[in-house]
């Protein structure tokens, strides 16, 4: 039986991972051609998305530790792989 809280936290993590990736990609595409003001706005967007990603990952990790939901190693490893190399 799947834990509903775990499923909700995993879905949120997938959403914010996509948001973070999109923000980072947008910054990378615009970095050479944008104004300083736009660059600062884009880096703020990336920072906010990164904060959301880190919070979602921490919430899932905490839930997995506290409730011993199965698949802890699989989820944590997958998210670590996605977040590694994600600096701007």
N, C-alpha and C. Protein backbone atom coordinates (compact mmCIF):
# COMPACT_ATOMS: atom_id res chain seq x y z
N UNK A 1 0.84 -1.18 0.00
CA UNK A 1 0.00 0.00 0.00
C UNK A 1 0.88 1.25 0.00
N UNK A 2 0.58 2.19 -0.85
CA UNK A 2 1.36 3.40 -0.98
C UNK A 2 0.94 4.42 0.08
N UNK A 3 1.92 5.06 0.66
CA UNK A 3 1.66 6.10 1.65
C UNK A 3 1.18 7.36 0.91
N UNK A 4 0.00 7.87 1.24
CA UNK A 4 -0.52 9.04 0.53
C UNK A 4 0.33 10.30 0.75
N UNK A 5 0.90 10.45 1.93
CA UNK A 5 1.76 11.61 2.19
C UNK A 5 3.02 11.53 1.34
N UNK A 6 3.61 10.34 1.29
CA UNK A 6 4.80 10.16 0.46
C UNK A 6 4.49 10.47 -1.00
N UNK A 7 3.37 9.97 -1.49
CA UNK A 7 2.99 10.21 -2.89
C UNK A 7 2.82 11.70 -3.16
N UNK A 8 2.19 12.41 -2.21
CA UNK A 8 1.99 13.86 -2.37
C UNK A 8 3.33 14.60 -2.36
N UNK A 9 4.23 14.21 -1.45
CA UNK A 9 5.54 14.86 -1.37
C UNK A 9 6.39 14.56 -2.61
N UNK A 10 6.30 13.34 -3.12
CA UNK A 10 7.03 13.00 -4.34
C UNK A 10 6.50 13.79 -5.53
N UNK A 11 5.19 13.94 -5.62
CA UNK A 11 4.60 14.71 -6.72
C UNK A 11 5.03 16.17 -6.65
N UNK A 12 5.04 16.72 -5.44
CA UNK A 12 5.49 18.11 -5.28
C UNK A 12 6.96 18.25 -5.67
N UNK A 13 7.77 17.29 -5.26
CA UNK A 13 9.19 17.34 -5.61
C UNK A 13 9.39 17.27 -7.11
N UNK A 14 8.62 16.44 -7.79
CA UNK A 14 8.72 16.37 -9.26
C UNK A 14 8.34 17.72 -9.88
N UNK A 15 7.27 18.35 -9.37
CA UNK A 15 6.85 19.65 -9.91
C UNK A 15 7.92 20.72 -9.72
N UNK A 16 8.44 20.83 -8.50
CA UNK A 16 9.42 21.89 -8.25
C UNK A 16 10.76 21.59 -8.91
N UNK A 17 11.06 20.32 -9.14
CA UNK A 17 12.27 19.97 -9.89
C UNK A 17 12.14 20.50 -11.31
N UNK A 18 10.98 20.34 -11.90
CA UNK A 18 10.74 20.87 -13.25
C UNK A 18 10.80 22.39 -13.28
N UNK A 19 10.21 23.02 -12.28
CA UNK A 19 10.23 24.48 -12.20
C UNK A 19 11.66 24.99 -12.07
N UNK A 20 12.44 24.35 -11.23
CA UNK A 20 13.83 24.74 -11.04
C UNK A 20 14.62 24.56 -12.33
N UNK A 21 14.45 23.43 -12.98
CA UNK A 21 15.14 23.17 -14.24
C UNK A 21 14.77 24.19 -15.31
N UNK A 22 13.50 24.53 -15.39
CA UNK A 22 13.05 25.52 -16.38
C UNK A 22 13.62 26.90 -16.09
N UNK A 23 13.64 27.30 -14.84
CA UNK A 23 14.19 28.61 -14.47
C UNK A 23 15.68 28.67 -14.79
N UNK A 24 16.37 27.60 -14.46
CA UNK A 24 17.81 27.54 -14.73
C UNK A 24 18.09 27.59 -16.23
N UNK A 25 17.30 26.85 -17.00
CA UNK A 25 17.49 26.82 -18.45
C UNK A 25 17.20 28.20 -19.05
N UNK A 26 16.17 28.86 -18.57
CA UNK A 26 15.84 30.19 -19.07
C UNK A 26 16.98 31.17 -18.79
N UNK A 27 17.55 31.09 -17.60
CA UNK A 27 18.69 31.95 -17.28
C UNK A 27 19.87 31.65 -18.20
N UNK A 28 20.16 30.38 -18.40
CA UNK A 28 21.28 30.01 -19.26
C UNK A 28 21.09 30.50 -20.70
N UNK A 29 19.86 30.48 -21.17
CA UNK A 29 19.56 30.92 -22.53
C UNK A 29 19.70 32.44 -22.68
N UNK A 30 19.41 33.17 -21.61
CA UNK A 30 19.38 34.63 -21.68
C UNK A 30 20.64 35.32 -21.16
N UNK A 31 21.53 34.58 -20.51
CA UNK A 31 22.63 35.19 -19.77
C UNK A 31 23.52 36.09 -20.65
N UNK A 32 23.77 35.75 -21.86
CA UNK A 32 24.68 36.53 -22.71
C UNK A 32 24.01 37.72 -23.38
N UNK A 33 22.69 37.75 -23.37
CA UNK A 33 22.00 38.80 -24.14
C UNK A 33 21.09 39.68 -23.30
N UNK A 34 20.94 39.40 -22.03
CA UNK A 34 19.99 40.16 -21.23
C UNK A 34 20.67 41.34 -20.52
N UNK A 35 19.85 42.28 -20.10
CA UNK A 35 20.35 43.42 -19.34
C UNK A 35 20.70 42.96 -17.93
N UNK A 36 21.40 43.81 -17.20
CA UNK A 36 21.74 43.48 -15.83
C UNK A 36 20.49 43.31 -14.98
N UNK A 37 19.50 44.18 -15.19
CA UNK A 37 18.25 44.08 -14.43
C UNK A 37 17.55 42.75 -14.70
N UNK A 38 17.50 42.35 -15.96
CA UNK A 38 16.87 41.07 -16.30
C UNK A 38 17.67 39.92 -15.70
N UNK A 39 18.98 40.00 -15.76
CA UNK A 39 19.84 38.96 -15.19
C UNK A 39 19.55 38.81 -13.69
N UNK A 40 19.46 39.93 -12.99
CA UNK A 40 19.18 39.87 -11.55
C UNK A 40 17.81 39.26 -11.29
N UNK A 41 16.82 39.63 -12.10
CA UNK A 41 15.49 39.05 -11.95
C UNK A 41 15.51 37.54 -12.20
N UNK A 42 16.24 37.13 -13.23
CA UNK A 42 16.33 35.70 -13.55
C UNK A 42 17.06 34.93 -12.46
N UNK A 43 18.13 35.50 -11.91
CA UNK A 43 18.84 34.80 -10.85
C UNK A 43 17.97 34.71 -9.59
N UNK A 44 17.16 35.76 -9.33
CA UNK A 44 16.22 35.68 -8.21
C UNK A 44 15.21 34.55 -8.42
N UNK A 45 14.75 34.42 -9.66
CA UNK A 45 13.80 33.34 -9.98
C UNK A 45 14.44 31.97 -9.77
N UNK A 46 15.68 31.82 -10.19
CA UNK A 46 16.40 30.56 -10.00
C UNK A 46 16.59 30.30 -8.51
N UNK A 47 16.97 31.32 -7.76
CA UNK A 47 17.16 31.16 -6.32
C UNK A 47 15.88 30.72 -5.62
N UNK A 48 14.76 31.34 -5.98
CA UNK A 48 13.47 30.95 -5.39
C UNK A 48 13.11 29.51 -5.75
N UNK A 49 13.33 29.14 -7.00
CA UNK A 49 13.02 27.77 -7.44
C UNK A 49 13.93 26.77 -6.73
N UNK A 50 15.18 27.15 -6.54
CA UNK A 50 16.12 26.28 -5.83
C UNK A 50 15.69 26.10 -4.38
N UNK A 51 15.25 27.18 -3.75
CA UNK A 51 14.76 27.10 -2.37
C UNK A 51 13.55 26.17 -2.27
N UNK A 52 12.63 26.29 -3.23
CA UNK A 52 11.45 25.41 -3.24
C UNK A 52 11.86 23.95 -3.42
N UNK A 53 12.82 23.71 -4.32
CA UNK A 53 13.33 22.36 -4.55
C UNK A 53 13.93 21.79 -3.26
N UNK A 54 14.81 22.58 -2.63
CA UNK A 54 15.47 22.10 -1.41
C UNK A 54 14.45 21.84 -0.29
N UNK A 55 13.45 22.69 -0.17
CA UNK A 55 12.42 22.49 0.84
C UNK A 55 11.61 21.22 0.55
N UNK A 56 11.23 21.03 -0.69
CA UNK A 56 10.45 19.83 -1.06
C UNK A 56 11.26 18.56 -0.84
N UNK A 57 12.54 18.61 -1.20
CA UNK A 57 13.40 17.43 -1.00
C UNK A 57 13.57 17.14 0.48
N UNK A 58 13.77 18.18 1.28
CA UNK A 58 13.93 18.00 2.72
C UNK A 58 12.65 17.44 3.35
N UNK A 59 11.50 17.94 2.91
CA UNK A 59 10.23 17.45 3.45
C UNK A 59 10.05 15.97 3.14
N UNK A 60 10.38 15.57 1.92
CA UNK A 60 10.26 14.16 1.56
C UNK A 60 11.26 13.32 2.35
N UNK A 61 12.50 13.78 2.44
CA UNK A 61 13.51 13.04 3.20
C UNK A 61 13.09 12.86 4.65
N UNK A 62 12.58 13.93 5.25
CA UNK A 62 12.14 13.87 6.64
C UNK A 62 11.00 12.87 6.80
N UNK A 63 10.03 12.93 5.90
CA UNK A 63 8.91 11.98 5.96
C UNK A 63 9.41 10.54 5.84
N UNK A 64 10.32 10.31 4.91
CA UNK A 64 10.83 8.95 4.73
C UNK A 64 11.57 8.45 5.97
N UNK A 65 12.33 9.33 6.59
CA UNK A 65 13.05 8.94 7.81
C UNK A 65 12.09 8.69 8.97
N UNK A 66 11.11 9.56 9.12
CA UNK A 66 10.20 9.45 10.27
C UNK A 66 9.23 8.29 10.14
N UNK A 67 8.82 7.97 8.93
CA UNK A 67 7.77 6.98 8.76
C UNK A 67 8.24 5.69 8.10
N UNK A 68 9.52 5.63 7.78
CA UNK A 68 10.10 4.42 7.19
C UNK A 68 9.32 3.92 5.99
N UNK A 69 8.87 4.84 5.16
CA UNK A 69 8.19 4.44 3.93
C UNK A 69 9.18 3.70 3.05
N UNK A 70 8.72 2.70 2.34
CA UNK A 70 9.62 1.94 1.47
C UNK A 70 10.09 2.81 0.32
N UNK A 71 11.25 2.45 -0.22
CA UNK A 71 11.77 3.17 -1.38
C UNK A 71 12.62 4.36 -1.02
N UNK A 72 12.97 4.52 0.25
CA UNK A 72 13.75 5.68 0.69
C UNK A 72 15.02 5.84 -0.12
N UNK A 73 15.77 4.76 -0.29
CA UNK A 73 17.03 4.84 -1.01
C UNK A 73 16.81 5.21 -2.47
N UNK A 74 15.77 4.65 -3.10
CA UNK A 74 15.49 4.94 -4.50
C UNK A 74 15.16 6.41 -4.72
N UNK A 75 14.29 6.96 -3.88
CA UNK A 75 13.86 8.35 -4.04
C UNK A 75 15.01 9.29 -3.74
N UNK A 76 15.70 9.08 -2.63
CA UNK A 76 16.80 9.96 -2.25
C UNK A 76 17.90 9.94 -3.30
N UNK A 77 18.22 8.76 -3.83
CA UNK A 77 19.26 8.66 -4.85
C UNK A 77 18.85 9.36 -6.13
N UNK A 78 17.61 9.20 -6.53
CA UNK A 78 17.13 9.84 -7.76
C UNK A 78 17.16 11.35 -7.63
N UNK A 79 16.75 11.88 -6.49
CA UNK A 79 16.73 13.32 -6.30
C UNK A 79 18.15 13.87 -6.17
N UNK A 80 19.05 13.12 -5.55
CA UNK A 80 20.44 13.57 -5.45
C UNK A 80 21.08 13.66 -6.82
N UNK A 81 20.78 12.69 -7.68
CA UNK A 81 21.32 12.73 -9.04
C UNK A 81 20.79 13.93 -9.80
N UNK A 82 19.50 14.24 -9.63
CA UNK A 82 18.91 15.39 -10.33
C UNK A 82 19.47 16.70 -9.83
N UNK A 83 19.77 16.78 -8.54
CA UNK A 83 20.23 18.06 -7.99
C UNK A 83 21.72 18.25 -8.16
N UNK A 84 22.49 17.19 -8.36
CA UNK A 84 23.92 17.36 -8.55
C UNK A 84 24.18 18.01 -9.88
N UNK A 85 25.08 18.95 -9.87
CA UNK A 85 25.39 19.67 -11.09
C UNK A 85 24.34 20.68 -11.46
N UNK A 86 23.51 21.06 -10.51
CA UNK A 86 22.42 21.97 -10.85
C UNK A 86 22.73 23.41 -10.49
N UNK A 87 23.99 23.71 -10.21
CA UNK A 87 24.32 25.10 -9.91
C UNK A 87 24.38 25.90 -11.20
N UNK A 88 24.12 27.18 -11.10
CA UNK A 88 24.06 28.06 -12.26
C UNK A 88 25.43 28.50 -12.65
